[in-house]
Amino acid sequence: MVPAKLKNRTALVTLFFLLYALTAQSALAITAEVAKKCGELADKVYPPLVPGNPAAGHLNGTSQDVQDYFNKCVANGGKVPEGQAPKETK
């Protein structure tokens, strides 16, 4: 016979692992959607200088500006403030 305390602890540990597995999968799916959306927003705000050639640079802003914009967008869950305009560099 298995003591009742051991059954309760086993059930509790199983519950924790199950909850962790469920939350980890949903978090990854949301992050992928947000990353895709933020990548598209960054491409609209900072278009490439030469379409199809990311090494050519951007029409406005630097690569660091694009990265900062993307990171801020992901941190806000895919929503970037409307008032955030790109820097003009020429």
C-alpha atoms as a PDB file:
ATOM      1  CA  MET A   1       0.000   0.000   0.000  1.00  0.00           C
ATOM      2  CA  VAL A   2       1.142   3.510  -0.791  1.00  0.00           C
ATOM      3  CA  PRO A   3       0.795   6.051   1.993  1.00  0.00           C
ATOM      4  CA  ALA A   4      -1.750   8.849   1.435  1.00  0.00           C
ATOM      5  CA  LYS A   5       0.903  11.586   1.789  1.00  0.00           C
ATOM      6  CA  LEU A   6       2.929  10.086  -1.072  1.00  0.00           C
ATOM      7  CA  LYS A   7      -0.155   9.949  -3.306  1.00  0.00           C
ATOM      8  CA  ASN A   8      -0.940  13.602  -2.560  1.00  0.00           C
ATOM      9  CA  ARG A   9       2.632  14.724  -3.268  1.00  0.00           C
ATOM     10  CA  THR A  10       2.758  12.748  -6.496  1.00  0.00           C
ATOM     11  CA  ALA A  11      -0.525  14.275  -7.622  1.00  0.00           C
ATOM     12  CA  LEU A  12       0.723  17.767  -6.748  1.00  0.00           C
ATOM     13  CA  VAL A  13       4.002  17.331  -8.646  1.00  0.00           C
ATOM     14  CA  THR A  14       2.129  15.947 -11.655  1.00  0.00           C
ATOM     15  CA  LEU A  15      -0.224  18.926 -11.580  1.00  0.00           C
ATOM     16  CA  PHE A  16       2.707  21.386 -11.556  1.00  0.00           C
ATOM     17  CA  PHE A  17       4.357  19.695 -14.545  1.00  0.00           C
ATOM     18  CA  LEU A  18       1.086  19.621 -16.443  1.00  0.00           C
ATOM     19  CA  LEU A  19       0.397  23.314 -15.805  1.00  0.00           C
ATOM     20  CA  TYR A  20       3.953  24.228 -16.820  1.00  0.00           C
ATOM     21  CA  ALA A  21       3.674  22.278 -20.067  1.00  0.00           C
ATOM     22  CA  LEU A  22       0.363  23.929 -20.976  1.00  0.00           C
ATOM     23  CA  THR A  23       1.547  27.471 -20.265  1.00  0.00           C
ATOM     24  CA  ALA A  24       4.869  27.026 -22.063  1.00  0.00           C
ATOM     25  CA  GLN A  25       3.188  25.927 -25.309  1.00  0.00           C
ATOM     26  CA  SER A  26       0.691  28.789 -25.367  1.00  0.00           C
ATOM     27  CA  ALA A  27       3.409  31.343 -24.603  1.00  0.00           C
ATOM     28  CA  LEU A  28       5.484  30.175 -27.568  1.00  0.00           C
ATOM     29  CA  ALA A  29       2.554  30.447 -29.960  1.00  0.00           C
ATOM     30  CA  ILE A  30       1.763  33.993 -28.851  1.00  0.00           C
ATOM     31  CA  THR A  31       5.407  35.030 -29.140  1.00  0.00           C
ATOM     32  CA  ALA A  32       5.619  33.747 -32.714  1.00  0.00           C
ATOM     33  CA  GLU A  33       2.514  35.703 -33.729  1.00  0.00           C
ATOM     34  CA  VAL A  34       3.770  38.862 -32.043  1.00  0.00           C
ATOM     35  CA  ALA A  35       7.221  38.500 -33.589  1.00  0.00           C
ATOM     36  CA  LYS A  36       5.763  38.112 -37.068  1.00  0.00           C
ATOM     37  CA  LYS A  37       3.498  41.127 -36.607  1.00  0.00           C
ATOM     38  CA  CYS A  38       6.334  43.252 -35.221  1.00  0.00           C
ATOM     39  CA  GLY A  39       8.627  42.213 -38.075  1.00  0.00           C
ATOM     40  CA  GLU A  40       6.026  43.368 -40.585  1.00  0.00           C
ATOM     41  CA  LEU A  41       5.526  46.657 -38.721  1.00  0.00           C
ATOM     42  CA  ALA A  42       9.273  47.273 -38.613  1.00  0.00           C
ATOM     43  CA  ASP A  43       9.508  46.637 -42.368  1.00  0.00           C
ATOM     44  CA  LYS A  44       6.770  49.227 -42.992  1.00  0.00           C
ATOM     45  CA  VAL A  45       8.304  51.874 -40.734  1.00  0.00           C
ATOM     46  CA  TYR A  46      11.904  51.236 -41.841  1.00  0.00           C
ATOM     47  CA  PRO A  47      11.727  50.070 -45.483  1.00  0.00           C
ATOM     48  CA  PRO A  48      14.908  48.733 -47.105  1.00  0.00           C
ATOM     49  CA  LEU A  49      16.947  51.049 -49.315  1.00  0.00           C
ATOM     50  CA  VAL A  50      17.112  48.370 -52.007  1.00  0.00           C
ATOM     51  CA  PRO A  51      14.111  45.991 -51.961  1.00  0.00           C
ATOM     52  CA  GLY A  52      15.235  42.394 -51.511  1.00  0.00           C
ATOM     53  CA  ASN A  53      18.691  43.383 -50.227  1.00  0.00           C
ATOM     54  CA  PRO A  54      18.698  43.832 -46.443  1.00  0.00           C
ATOM     55  CA  ALA A  55      22.458  44.502 -46.492  1.00  0.00           C
ATOM     56  CA  ALA A  56      21.889  47.750 -48.427  1.00  0.00           C
ATOM     57  CA  GLY A  57      20.461  49.497 -45.366  1.00  0.00           C
ATOM     58  CA  HIS A  58      17.222  51.344 -44.700  1.00  0.00           C
ATOM     59  CA  LEU A  59      15.629  54.444 -46.205  1.00  0.00           C
ATOM     60  CA  ASN A  60      15.309  56.025 -42.769  1.00  0.00           C
ATOM     61  CA  GLY A  61      17.022  54.980 -39.583  1.00  0.00           C
ATOM     62  CA  THR A  62      19.799  52.535 -38.872  1.00  0.00           C
ATOM     63  CA  SER A  63      19.778  48.823 -38.199  1.00  0.00           C
ATOM     64  CA  GLN A  64      19.932  49.627 -34.480  1.00  0.00           C
ATOM     65  CA  ASP A  65      16.783  51.758 -34.860  1.00  0.00           C
ATOM     66  CA  VAL A  66      14.997  48.836 -36.526  1.00  0.00           C
ATOM     67  CA  GLN A  67      16.089  46.467 -33.773  1.00  0.00           C
ATOM     68  CA  ASP A  68      14.979  48.898 -31.047  1.00  0.00           C
ATOM     69  CA  TYR A  69      11.589  49.350 -32.749  1.00  0.00           C
ATOM     70  CA  PHE A  70      11.128  45.579 -33.037  1.00  0.00           C
ATOM     71  CA  ASN A  71      12.084  44.984 -29.387  1.00  0.00           C
ATOM     72  CA  LYS A  72       9.723  47.713 -28.164  1.00  0.00           C
ATOM     73  CA  CYS A  73       6.921  46.249 -30.272  1.00  0.00           C
ATOM     74  CA  VAL A  74       7.464  42.741 -28.842  1.00  0.00           C
ATOM     75  CA  ALA A  75       7.628  44.128 -25.305  1.00  0.00           C
ATOM     76  CA  ASN A  76       4.254  45.842 -25.880  1.00  0.00           C
ATOM     77  CA  GLY A  77       2.646  42.671 -27.189  1.00  0.00           C
ATOM     78  CA  GLY A  78       2.651  43.714 -30.834  1.00  0.00           C
ATOM     79  CA  LYS A  79       1.421  47.253 -30.276  1.00  0.00           C
ATOM     80  CA  VAL A  80       3.696  50.212 -30.887  1.00  0.00           C
ATOM     81  CA  PRO A  81       2.588  53.752 -30.022  1.00  0.00           C
ATOM     82  CA  GLU A  82       1.310  55.663 -33.059  1.00  0.00           C
ATOM     83  CA  GLY A  83       3.408  58.719 -32.212  1.00  0.00           C
ATOM     84  CA  GLN A  84       6.700  56.875 -32.578  1.00  0.00           C
ATOM     85  CA  ALA A  85       8.132  58.137 -35.844  1.00  0.00           C
ATOM     86  CA  PRO A  86      11.389  56.921 -37.343  1.00  0.00           C
ATOM     87  CA  LYS A  87      14.452  59.160 -37.315  1.00  0.00           C
ATOM     88  CA  GLU A  88      15.405  60.764 -40.603  1.00  0.00           C
ATOM     89  CA  THR A  89      19.016  59.960 -41.498  1.00  0.00           C
ATOM     90  CA  LYS A  90      20.520  61.145 -44.763  1.00  0.00           C
END
